Amino acid sequence: MKNMKFYRTDKPITAKHVEHNIMRWEWIGKEGKTFAEIDAQDSFYRKCIRRPDFDITKHQSIKRDLDYDLKEEMIRAVEII
């Protein structure tokens, strides 16, 4: 994932989506963010992760969250050459 850039897709946000996920997707935006930007210790993406086993003060993996966002097709990944 380190050589990827992520972009918000055109998939509509619905009532089933929770606010912290929506904020992550909108932050990534149409202009996109690199993995390094998303993975940065103080990134807005990290601040919008809400799960019991995630501690914002530690540099834990965000792969699970990116995988979820990709699976939901709310973001897409493009390899950086």
C-alpha atoms as a PDB file:
ATOM      1  CA  MET A   1       0.000   0.000   0.000  1.00  0.00           C
ATOM      2  CA  LYS A   2       2.961   2.309   0.450  1.00  0.00           C
ATOM      3  CA  ASN A   3       3.143   3.031  -3.267  1.00  0.00           C
ATOM      4  CA  MET A   4      -0.559   3.856  -3.582  1.00  0.00           C
ATOM      5  CA  LYS A   5      -2.637   6.997  -3.783  1.00  0.00           C
ATOM      6  CA  PHE A   6      -6.244   6.890  -2.613  1.00  0.00           C
ATOM      7  CA  TYR A   7      -9.210   8.824  -4.002  1.00  0.00           C
ATOM      8  CA  ARG A   8     -12.830   9.296  -2.949  1.00  0.00           C
ATOM      9  CA  THR A   9     -15.163   7.541  -5.377  1.00  0.00           C
ATOM     10  CA  ASP A  10     -18.520   8.784  -6.638  1.00  0.00           C
ATOM     11  CA  LYS A  11     -20.383   6.171  -4.591  1.00  0.00           C
ATOM     12  CA  PRO A  12     -23.095   7.987  -2.650  1.00  0.00           C
ATOM     13  CA  ILE A  13     -23.027   8.288   1.110  1.00  0.00           C
ATOM     14  CA  THR A  14     -26.162   6.817   2.669  1.00  0.00           C
ATOM     15  CA  ALA A  15     -27.855   6.783   6.058  1.00  0.00           C
ATOM     16  CA  LYS A  16     -26.089   3.493   6.893  1.00  0.00           C
ATOM     17  CA  HIS A  17     -22.685   5.228   6.923  1.00  0.00           C
ATOM     18  CA  VAL A  18     -21.401   6.591  10.213  1.00  0.00           C
ATOM     19  CA  GLU A  19     -19.974  10.087  10.617  1.00  0.00           C
ATOM     20  CA  HIS A  20     -16.362   9.145  11.394  1.00  0.00           C
ATOM     21  CA  ASN A  21     -16.136   7.051   8.211  1.00  0.00           C
ATOM     22  CA  ILE A  22     -17.705   9.813   6.130  1.00  0.00           C
ATOM     23  CA  MET A  23     -15.186  12.312   7.500  1.00  0.00           C
ATOM     24  CA  ARG A  24     -12.306   9.965   6.479  1.00  0.00           C
ATOM     25  CA  TRP A  25     -13.627   9.590   2.937  1.00  0.00           C
ATOM     26  CA  GLU A  26     -14.266  13.285   2.481  1.00  0.00           C
ATOM     27  CA  TRP A  27     -10.795  14.128   3.814  1.00  0.00           C
ATOM     28  CA  ILE A  28      -9.221  11.846   1.205  1.00  0.00           C
ATOM     29  CA  GLY A  29     -11.329  13.654  -1.392  1.00  0.00           C
ATOM     30  CA  LYS A  30     -11.289  13.648  -5.182  1.00  0.00           C
ATOM     31  CA  GLU A  31      -7.735  15.075  -5.243  1.00  0.00           C
ATOM     32  CA  GLY A  32      -6.590  12.060  -3.245  1.00  0.00           C
ATOM     33  CA  LYS A  33      -4.002  11.388  -0.589  1.00  0.00           C
ATOM     34  CA  THR A  34      -0.902   9.242  -0.673  1.00  0.00           C
ATOM     35  CA  PHE A  35      -0.507   6.367   1.724  1.00  0.00           C
ATOM     36  CA  ALA A  36       2.170   8.389   3.529  1.00  0.00           C
ATOM     37  CA  GLU A  37      -0.277  11.265   4.075  1.00  0.00           C
ATOM     38  CA  ILE A  38      -2.994   8.926   5.326  1.00  0.00           C
ATOM     39  CA  ASP A  39      -0.603   6.921   7.505  1.00  0.00           C
ATOM     40  CA  ALA A  40       1.077   9.952   9.110  1.00  0.00           C
ATOM     41  CA  GLN A  41       0.871   9.839  12.905  1.00  0.00           C
ATOM     42  CA  ASP A  42      -1.189  13.039  13.075  1.00  0.00           C
ATOM     43  CA  SER A  43      -3.326  12.510   9.962  1.00  0.00           C
ATOM     44  CA  PHE A  44      -6.998  13.369  10.025  1.00  0.00           C
ATOM     45  CA  TYR A  45      -7.687   9.843   8.754  1.00  0.00           C
ATOM     46  CA  ARG A  46      -6.205   8.349  11.928  1.00  0.00           C
ATOM     47  CA  LYS A  47      -8.199  10.781  14.055  1.00  0.00           C
ATOM     48  CA  CYS A  48     -11.377   9.411  12.443  1.00  0.00           C
ATOM     49  CA  ILE A  49     -10.766   5.747  13.290  1.00  0.00           C
ATOM     50  CA  ARG A  50     -13.175   4.507  15.939  1.00  0.00           C
ATOM     51  CA  ARG A  51     -12.528   0.960  17.088  1.00  0.00           C
ATOM     52  CA  PRO A  52     -11.742  -0.383  20.547  1.00  0.00           C
ATOM     53  CA  ASP A  53      -8.346  -1.816  19.609  1.00  0.00           C
ATOM     54  CA  PHE A  54      -7.032   1.363  17.942  1.00  0.00           C
ATOM     55  CA  ASP A  55      -4.969   3.803  19.975  1.00  0.00           C
ATOM     56  CA  ILE A  56      -4.331   7.150  18.261  1.00  0.00           C
ATOM     57  CA  THR A  57      -1.252   7.734  20.427  1.00  0.00           C
ATOM     58  CA  LYS A  58       0.490   4.699  18.910  1.00  0.00           C
ATOM     59  CA  HIS A  59       1.451   4.247  15.289  1.00  0.00           C
ATOM     60  CA  GLN A  60      -0.795   1.252  14.694  1.00  0.00           C
ATOM     61  CA  SER A  61      -1.613  -0.168  11.277  1.00  0.00           C
ATOM     62  CA  ILE A  62      -4.476   1.459   9.386  1.00  0.00           C
ATOM     63  CA  LYS A  63      -4.629  -1.357   6.813  1.00  0.00           C
ATOM     64  CA  ARG A  64      -7.858  -2.739   8.284  1.00  0.00           C
ATOM     65  CA  ASP A  65      -9.552   0.650   7.923  1.00  0.00           C
ATOM     66  CA  LEU A  66      -8.297   1.248   4.389  1.00  0.00           C
ATOM     67  CA  ASP A  67      -9.398  -2.279   3.434  1.00  0.00           C
ATOM     68  CA  TYR A  68     -12.876  -1.510   4.784  1.00  0.00           C
ATOM     69  CA  ASP A  69     -13.082   1.777   2.867  1.00  0.00           C
ATOM     70  CA  LEU A  70     -11.927   0.028  -0.325  1.00  0.00           C
ATOM     71  CA  LYS A  71     -14.342  -2.896   0.158  1.00  0.00           C
ATOM     72  CA  GLU A  72     -17.200  -0.437   0.642  1.00  0.00           C
ATOM     73  CA  GLU A  73     -16.003   1.236  -2.608  1.00  0.00           C
ATOM     74  CA  MET A  74     -15.966   4.637  -0.930  1.00  0.00           C
ATOM     75  CA  ILE A  75     -12.327   5.095  -1.927  1.00  0.00           C
ATOM     76  CA  ARG A  76     -10.176   3.609  -4.674  1.00  0.00           C
ATOM     77  CA  ALA A  77      -6.441   3.014  -4.830  1.00  0.00           C
ATOM     78  CA  VAL A  78      -4.107   3.787  -7.725  1.00  0.00           C
ATOM     79  CA  GLU A  79      -0.503   2.625  -7.830  1.00  0.00           C
ATOM     80  CA  ILE A  80       2.057   5.413  -7.956  1.00  0.00           C
ATOM     81  CA  ILE A  81       4.718   4.679 -10.550  1.00  0.00           C
END
